[in-house]
Every structure is written in structure tokens, then in C-alpha cells.
Amino acid sequence: MKVRIGIATTDKLIEIEVEDIKSFKKEIEQAVEEGGLNWFTDSTGRTVGIPARSVAFVEIEDAETGHTVGFALVE
């Protein structure tokens, strides 16, 4: 699944691919509680360390649904 992590006070967005989403959620929650530093390798191959206090949001995109853009008839 694709995960996007927003960084507080910047316009940075880290995008990574995650296979085990449950494990990833636990890791992020633990880091936020403890105030630690998480290391990730983003989709471009860069390794990025993110202090837990700087995580603005975590967005998880389901691979099956993805993003759709379009128009629908409103009845």
C-alpha cells in the first residue's frame, strides 16, 4: 500500500510503499508516543529520518481503491 507522511511546518511529503500496514501503524504509533525518530526509504530510494514530533499526518491509500477523479450525475 502507498503511504504518505506529511511533515509539520514544511510542505514536505514523504511517499513510501508498505507491505504490512498493521506493523507500520504500530511502528508509527509507538514512535509518536515515545517521541522517537523513524527512518524510511521513500519511493525514490532516499532514506529519510523523521522525528515523531514532526509528523503532521499519515495517509494510507488502499491499493485496490486508489484515487479516482471524475464527474458523477447528481440526481
PDB file of N, CA and C in Angstrom:
ATOM      1  N   MET A   1       0.834  -1.179   0.000  1.00  0.00           N
ATOM      2  CA  MET A   1       0.000   0.000   0.000  1.00  0.00           C
ATOM      3  C   MET A   1       0.874   1.236   0.000  1.00  0.00           C
ATOM      4  N   LYS A   2       0.363   2.279  -0.580  1.00  0.00           N
ATOM      5  CA  LYS A   2       1.079   3.541  -0.628  1.00  0.00           C
ATOM      6  C   LYS A   2       0.737   4.356   0.614  1.00  0.00           C
ATOM      7  N   VAL A   3       1.773   4.910   1.247  1.00  0.00           N
ATOM      8  CA  VAL A   3       1.610   5.725   2.451  1.00  0.00           C
ATOM      9  C   VAL A   3       2.278   7.066   2.212  1.00  0.00           C
ATOM     10  N   ARG A   4       1.588   8.127   2.593  1.00  0.00           N
ATOM     11  CA  ARG A   4       2.148   9.477   2.509  1.00  0.00           C
ATOM     12  C   ARG A   4       2.245  10.030   3.928  1.00  0.00           C
ATOM     13  N   ILE A   5       3.409  10.595   4.246  1.00  0.00           N
ATOM     14  CA  ILE A   5       3.639  11.174   5.565  1.00  0.00           C
ATOM     15  C   ILE A   5       3.919  12.655   5.375  1.00  0.00           C
ATOM     16  N   GLY A   6       3.066  13.490   5.968  1.00  0.00           N
ATOM     17  CA  GLY A   6       3.249  14.932   5.902  1.00  0.00           C
ATOM     18  C   GLY A   6       4.144  15.386   7.041  1.00  0.00           C
ATOM     19  N   ILE A   7       5.025  16.339   6.748  1.00  0.00           N
ATOM     20  CA  ILE A   7       5.958  16.855   7.734  1.00  0.00           C
ATOM     21  C   ILE A   7       5.487  18.235   8.186  1.00  0.00           C
ATOM     22  N   ALA A   8       5.307  18.407   9.511  1.00  0.00           N
ATOM     23  CA  ALA A   8       4.802  19.650  10.087  1.00  0.00           C
ATOM     24  C   ALA A   8       5.742  20.819   9.778  1.00  0.00           C
ATOM     25  N   THR A   9       5.169  21.986   9.624  1.00  0.00           N
ATOM     26  CA  THR A   9       5.835  23.271   9.366  1.00  0.00           C
ATOM     27  C   THR A   9       6.634  23.308   8.068  1.00  0.00           C
ATOM     28  N   THR A  10       6.425  22.334   7.189  1.00  0.00           N
ATOM     29  CA  THR A  10       7.043  22.356   5.865  1.00  0.00           C
ATOM     30  C   THR A  10       6.012  21.875   4.854  1.00  0.00           C
ATOM     31  N   ASP A  11       6.375  21.966   3.600  1.00  0.00           N
ATOM     32  CA  ASP A  11       5.499  21.422   2.563  1.00  0.00           C
ATOM     33  C   ASP A  11       5.987  20.053   2.097  1.00  0.00           C
ATOM     34  N   LYS A  12       6.863  19.428   2.892  1.00  0.00           N
ATOM     35  CA  LYS A  12       7.423  18.121   2.543  1.00  0.00           C
ATOM     36  C   LYS A  12       6.383  17.021   2.695  1.00  0.00           C
ATOM     37  N   LEU A  13       6.442  16.078   1.774  1.00  0.00           N
ATOM     38  CA  LEU A  13       5.571  14.912   1.785  1.00  0.00           C
ATOM     39  C   LEU A  13       6.435  13.714   1.426  1.00  0.00           C
ATOM     40  N   ILE A  14       6.500  12.729   2.309  1.00  0.00           N
ATOM     41  CA  ILE A  14       7.282  11.519   2.067  1.00  0.00           C
ATOM     42  C   ILE A  14       6.311  10.440   1.617  1.00  0.00           C
ATOM     43  N   GLU A  15       6.617   9.798   0.492  1.00  0.00           N
ATOM     44  CA  GLU A  15       5.754   8.743  -0.038  1.00  0.00           C
ATOM     45  C   GLU A  15       6.524   7.434  -0.025  1.00  0.00           C
ATOM     46  N   ILE A  16       5.942   6.412   0.625  1.00  0.00           N
ATOM     47  CA  ILE A  16       6.588   5.106   0.714  1.00  0.00           C
ATOM     48  C   ILE A  16       5.593   4.005   0.374  1.00  0.00           C
ATOM     49  N   GLU A  17       6.115   2.838   0.050  1.00  0.00           N
ATOM     50  CA  GLU A  17       5.301   1.651  -0.168  1.00  0.00           C
ATOM     51  C   GLU A  17       5.437   0.758   1.063  1.00  0.00           C
ATOM     52  N   VAL A  18       4.319   0.273   1.582  1.00  0.00           N
ATOM     53  CA  VAL A  18       4.308  -0.552   2.790  1.00  0.00           C
ATOM     54  C   VAL A  18       3.580  -1.852   2.483  1.00  0.00           C
ATOM     55  N   GLU A  19       4.210  -2.978   2.853  1.00  0.00           N
ATOM     56  CA  GLU A  19       3.582  -4.278   2.638  1.00  0.00           C
ATOM     57  C   GLU A  19       2.703  -4.681   3.812  1.00  0.00           C
ATOM     58  N   ASP A  20       3.200  -4.503   5.036  1.00  0.00           N
ATOM     59  CA  ASP A  20       2.465  -4.904   6.240  1.00  0.00           C
ATOM     60  C   ASP A  20       1.947  -3.647   6.936  1.00  0.00           C
ATOM     61  N   ILE A  21       0.724  -3.255   6.617  1.00  0.00           N
ATOM     62  CA  ILE A  21       0.171  -1.991   7.107  1.00  0.00           C
ATOM     63  C   ILE A  21      -0.068  -2.023   8.616  1.00  0.00           C
ATOM     64  N   LYS A  22      -0.444  -3.158   9.173  1.00  0.00           N
ATOM     65  CA  LYS A  22      -0.664  -3.248  10.620  1.00  0.00           C
ATOM     66  C   LYS A  22       0.627  -2.987  11.384  1.00  0.00           C
ATOM     67  N   SER A  23       1.706  -3.591  10.931  1.00  0.00           N
ATOM     68  CA  SER A  23       3.010  -3.389  11.558  1.00  0.00           C
ATOM     69  C   SER A  23       3.455  -1.933  11.423  1.00  0.00           C
ATOM     70  N   PHE A  24       3.216  -1.344  10.266  1.00  0.00           N
ATOM     71  CA  PHE A  24       3.577   0.057  10.030  1.00  0.00           C
ATOM     72  C   PHE A  24       2.818   0.983  10.977  1.00  0.00           C
ATOM     73  N   LYS A  25       1.525   0.744  11.140  1.00  0.00           N
ATOM     74  CA  LYS A  25       0.722   1.576  12.043  1.00  0.00           C
ATOM     75  C   LYS A  25       1.250   1.503  13.470  1.00  0.00           C
ATOM     76  N   LYS A  26       1.564   0.291  13.929  1.00  0.00           N
ATOM     77  CA  LYS A  26       2.094   0.125  15.280  1.00  0.00           C
ATOM     78  C   LYS A  26       3.422   0.866  15.448  1.00  0.00           C
ATOM     79  N   GLU A  27       4.282   0.786  14.430  1.00  0.00           N
ATOM     80  CA  GLU A  27       5.580   1.454  14.479  1.00  0.00           C
ATOM     81  C   GLU A  27       5.419   2.972  14.576  1.00  0.00           C
ATOM     82  N   ILE A  28       4.517   3.536  13.783  1.00  0.00           N
ATOM     83  CA  ILE A  28       4.275   4.987  13.806  1.00  0.00           C
ATOM     84  C   ILE A  28       3.679   5.400  15.146  1.00  0.00           C
ATOM     85  N   GLU A  29       2.680   4.662  15.623  1.00  0.00           N
ATOM     86  CA  GLU A  29       2.051   4.990  16.909  1.00  0.00           C
ATOM     87  C   GLU A  29       3.062   4.951  18.044  1.00  0.00           C
ATOM     88  N   GLN A  30       3.929   3.951  18.054  1.00  0.00           N
ATOM     89  CA  GLN A  30       4.934   3.827  19.101  1.00  0.00           C
ATOM     90  C   GLN A  30       5.923   4.993  19.032  1.00  0.00           C
ATOM     91  N   ALA A  31       6.347   5.355  17.848  1.00  0.00           N
ATOM     92  CA  ALA A  31       7.297   6.462  17.698  1.00  0.00           C
ATOM     93  C   ALA A  31       6.693   7.782  18.167  1.00  0.00           C
ATOM     94  N   VAL A  32       5.415   8.004  17.866  1.00  0.00           N
ATOM     95  CA  VAL A  32       4.754   9.242  18.291  1.00  0.00           C
ATOM     96  C   VAL A  32       4.633   9.274  19.814  1.00  0.00           C
ATOM     97  N   GLU A  33       4.269   8.141  20.420  1.00  0.00           N
ATOM     98  CA  GLU A  33       4.146   8.074  21.879  1.00  0.00           C
ATOM     99  C   GLU A  33       5.483   8.305  22.571  1.00  0.00           C
ATOM    100  N   GLU A  34       6.556   7.733  22.017  1.00  0.00           N
ATOM    101  CA  GLU A  34       7.871   7.825  22.644  1.00  0.00           C
ATOM    102  C   GLU A  34       8.668   9.046  22.199  1.00  0.00           C
ATOM    103  N   GLY A  35       8.220   9.695  21.122  1.00  0.00           N
ATOM    104  CA  GLY A  35       8.938  10.858  20.611  1.00  0.00           C
ATOM    105  C   GLY A  35      10.226  10.500  19.903  1.00  0.00           C
ATOM    106  N   GLY A  36      10.277   9.340  19.287  1.00  0.00           N
ATOM    107  CA  GLY A  36      11.498   8.864  18.645  1.00  0.00           C
ATOM    108  C   GLY A  36      11.700   9.387  17.228  1.00  0.00           C
ATOM    109  N   LEU A  37      12.642   8.767  16.563  1.00  0.00           N
ATOM    110  CA  LEU A  37      12.985   9.091  15.183  1.00  0.00           C
ATOM    111  C   LEU A  37      12.742   7.846  14.346  1.00  0.00           C
ATOM    112  N   ASN A  38      11.989   7.990  13.268  1.00  0.00           N
ATOM    113  CA  ASN A  38      11.736   6.874  12.360  1.00  0.00           C
ATOM    114  C   ASN A  38      12.518   7.079  11.071  1.00  0.00           C
ATOM    115  N   TRP A  39      13.081   5.995  10.560  1.00  0.00           N
ATOM    116  CA  TRP A  39      13.800   6.030   9.289  1.00  0.00           C
ATOM    117  C   TRP A  39      12.975   5.304   8.242  1.00  0.00           C
ATOM    118  N   PHE A  40      12.828   5.937   7.072  1.00  0.00           N
ATOM    119  CA  PHE A  40      12.064   5.368   5.966  1.00  0.00           C
ATOM    120  C   PHE A  40      12.864   5.497   4.687  1.00  0.00           C
ATOM    121  N   THR A  41      12.620   4.591   3.755  1.00  0.00           N
ATOM    122  CA  THR A  41      13.151   4.733   2.405  1.00  0.00           C
ATOM    123  C   THR A  41      11.975   5.070   1.518  1.00  0.00           C
ATOM    124  N   ASP A  42      12.021   6.263   0.900  1.00  0.00           N
ATOM    125  CA  ASP A  42      10.871   6.721   0.122  1.00  0.00           C
ATOM    126  C   ASP A  42      10.845   6.082  -1.260  1.00  0.00           C
ATOM    127  N   SER A  43       9.827   6.424  -2.047  1.00  0.00           N
ATOM    128  CA  SER A  43       9.622   5.793  -3.347  1.00  0.00           C
ATOM    129  C   SER A  43      10.699   6.153  -4.370  1.00  0.00           C
ATOM    130  N   THR A  44      11.542   7.150  -4.078  1.00  0.00           N
ATOM    131  CA  THR A  44      12.637   7.493  -4.984  1.00  0.00           C
ATOM    132  C   THR A  44      13.949   6.853  -4.550  1.00  0.00           C
ATOM    133  N   GLY A  45      13.925   6.107  -3.413  1.00  0.00           N
ATOM    134  CA  GLY A  45      15.115   5.431  -2.935  1.00  0.00           C
ATOM    135  C   GLY A  45      15.906   6.208  -1.894  1.00  0.00           C
ATOM    136  N   ARG A  46      15.459   7.394  -1.523  1.00  0.00           N
ATOM    137  CA  ARG A  46      16.130   8.187  -0.492  1.00  0.00           C
ATOM    138  C   ARG A  46      15.762   7.658   0.885  1.00  0.00           C
ATOM    139  N   THR A  47      16.722   7.646   1.808  1.00  0.00           N
ATOM    140  CA  THR A  47      16.447   7.292   3.195  1.00  0.00           C
ATOM    141  C   THR A  47      16.252   8.588   3.965  1.00  0.00           C
ATOM    142  N   VAL A  48      15.136   8.661   4.685  1.00  0.00           N
ATOM    143  CA  VAL A  48      14.746   9.887   5.369  1.00  0.00           C
ATOM    144  C   VAL A  48      14.435   9.569   6.828  1.00  0.00           C
ATOM    145  N   GLY A  49      15.015  10.348   7.738  1.00  0.00           N
ATOM    146  CA  GLY A  49      14.705  10.229   9.163  1.00  0.00           C
ATOM    147  C   GLY A  49      13.694  11.296   9.535  1.00  0.00           C
ATOM    148  N   ILE A  50      12.597  10.886  10.166  1.00  0.00           N
ATOM    149  CA  ILE A  50      11.542  11.827  10.533  1.00  0.00           C
ATOM    150  C   ILE A  50      11.340  11.796  12.043  1.00  0.00           C
ATOM    151  N   PRO A  51      11.596  12.920  12.743  1.00  0.00           N
ATOM    152  CA  PRO A  51      11.284  12.964  14.171  1.00  0.00           C
ATOM    153  C   PRO A  51       9.777  12.830  14.367  1.00  0.00           C
ATOM    154  N   ALA A  52       9.361  12.011  15.304  1.00  0.00           N
ATOM    155  CA  ALA A  52       7.934  11.749  15.501  1.00  0.00           C
ATOM    156  C   ALA A  52       7.151  13.028  15.768  1.00  0.00           C
ATOM    157  N   ARG A  53       7.757  13.995  16.453  1.00  0.00           N
ATOM    158  CA  ARG A  53       7.049  15.245  16.751  1.00  0.00           C
ATOM    159  C   ARG A  53       6.781  16.072  15.486  1.00  0.00           C
ATOM    160  N   SER A  54       7.439  15.722  14.372  1.00  0.00           N
ATOM    161  CA  SER A  54       7.268  16.466  13.125  1.00  0.00           C
ATOM    162  C   SER A  54       6.257  15.841  12.174  1.00  0.00           C
ATOM    163  N   VAL A  55       5.675  14.706  12.546  1.00  0.00           N
ATOM    164  CA  VAL A  55       4.684  14.057  11.681  1.00  0.00           C
ATOM    165  C   VAL A  55       3.373  14.825  11.774  1.00  0.00           C
ATOM    166  N   ALA A  56       2.964  15.420  10.658  1.00  0.00           N
ATOM    167  CA  ALA A  56       1.710  16.183  10.618  1.00  0.00           C
ATOM    168  C   ALA A  56       0.524  15.254  10.362  1.00  0.00           C
ATOM    169  N   PHE A  57       0.712  14.294   9.446  1.00  0.00           N
ATOM    170  CA  PHE A  57      -0.350  13.337   9.148  1.00  0.00           C
ATOM    171  C   PHE A  57       0.243  12.112   8.476  1.00  0.00           C
ATOM    172  N   VAL A  58      -0.508  11.010   8.505  1.00  0.00           N
ATOM    173  CA  VAL A  58      -0.159   9.785   7.792  1.00  0.00           C
ATOM    174  C   VAL A  58      -1.380   9.391   6.993  1.00  0.00           C
ATOM    175  N   GLU A  59      -1.207   9.316   5.685  1.00  0.00           N
ATOM    176  CA  GLU A  59      -2.313   8.971   4.783  1.00  0.00           C
ATOM    177  C   GLU A  59      -2.009   7.615   4.169  1.00  0.00           C
ATOM    178  N   ILE A  60      -2.964   6.683   4.291  1.00  0.00           N
ATOM    179  CA  ILE A  60      -2.795   5.335   3.753  1.00  0.00           C
ATOM    180  C   ILE A  60      -3.767   5.159   2.598  1.00  0.00           C
ATOM    181  N   GLU A  61      -3.205   4.831   1.435  1.00  0.00           N
ATOM    182  CA  GLU A  61      -4.027   4.629   0.238  1.00  0.00           C
ATOM    183  C   GLU A  61      -4.174   3.138  -0.008  1.00  0.00           C
ATOM    184  N   ASP A  62      -5.391   2.671  -0.035  1.00  0.00           N
ATOM    185  CA  ASP A  62      -5.665   1.271  -0.322  1.00  0.00           C
ATOM    186  C   ASP A  62      -5.348   1.012  -1.788  1.00  0.00           C
ATOM    187  N   ALA A  63      -4.533   0.015  -2.052  1.00  0.00           N
ATOM    188  CA  ALA A  63      -4.112  -0.295  -3.418  1.00  0.00           C
ATOM    189  C   ALA A  63      -5.291  -0.656  -4.312  1.00  0.00           C
ATOM    190  N   GLU A  64      -6.345  -1.227  -3.734  1.00  0.00           N
ATOM    191  CA  GLU A  64      -7.487  -1.647  -4.533  1.00  0.00           C
ATOM    192  C   GLU A  64      -8.370  -0.481  -4.950  1.00  0.00           C
ATOM    193  N   THR A  65      -8.543   0.504  -4.051  1.00  0.00           N
ATOM    194  CA  THR A  65      -9.431   1.609  -4.376  1.00  0.00           C
ATOM    195  C   THR A  65      -8.709   2.735  -5.085  1.00  0.00           C
ATOM    196  N   GLY A  66      -7.521   3.115  -4.596  1.00  0.00           N
ATOM    197  CA  GLY A  66      -6.746   4.172  -5.229  1.00  0.00           C
ATOM    198  C   GLY A  66      -7.507   5.482  -5.282  1.00  0.00           C
ATOM    199  N   HIS A  67      -6.963   6.424  -6.026  1.00  0.00           N
ATOM    200  CA  HIS A  67      -7.623   7.713  -6.211  1.00  0.00           C
ATOM    201  C   HIS A  67      -8.387   7.705  -7.527  1.00  0.00           C
ATOM    202  N   THR A  68      -9.577   8.228  -7.498  1.00  0.00           N
ATOM    203  CA  THR A  68     -10.329   8.371  -8.719  1.00  0.00           C
ATOM    204  C   THR A  68     -10.763   9.827  -8.849  1.00  0.00           C
ATOM    205  N   VAL A  69     -10.735  10.302 -10.070  1.00  0.00           N
ATOM    206  CA  VAL A  69     -11.160  11.662 -10.359  1.00  0.00           C
ATOM    207  C   VAL A  69     -12.167  11.577 -11.475  1.00  0.00           C
ATOM    208  N   GLY A  70     -13.237  12.328 -11.337  1.00  0.00           N
ATOM    209  CA  GLY A  70     -14.234  12.292 -12.388  1.00  0.00           C
ATOM    210  C   GLY A  70     -15.478  13.026 -11.964  1.00  0.00           C
ATOM    211  N   PHE A  71     -16.482  12.917 -12.768  1.00  0.00           N
ATOM    212  CA  PHE A  71     -17.740  13.597 -12.522  1.00  0.00           C
ATOM    213  C   PHE A  71     -18.843  12.558 -12.455  1.00  0.00           C
ATOM    214  N   ALA A  72     -19.804  12.831 -11.598  1.00  0.00           N
ATOM    215  CA  ALA A  72     -20.932  11.915 -11.451  1.00  0.00           C
ATOM    216  C   ALA A  72     -22.221  12.699 -11.623  1.00  0.00           C
ATOM    217  N   LEU A  73     -23.204  12.041 -12.148  1.00  0.00           N
ATOM    218  CA  LEU A  73     -24.523  12.650 -12.314  1.00  0.00           C
ATOM    219  C   LEU A  73     -25.208  12.733 -10.955  1.00  0.00           C
ATOM    220  N   VAL A  74     -25.609  13.929 -10.557  1.00  0.00           N
ATOM    221  CA  VAL A  74     -26.286  14.117  -9.291  1.00  0.00           C
ATOM    222  C   VAL A  74     -27.776  14.114  -9.543  1.00  0.00           C
ATOM    223  N   GLU A  75     -28.469  13.247  -8.854  1.00  0.00           N
ATOM    224  CA  GLU A  75     -29.911  13.135  -9.052  1.00  0.00           C
ATOM    225  C   GLU A  75     -30.674  13.795  -7.950  1.00  0.00           C
TER     226      GLU A  75
END
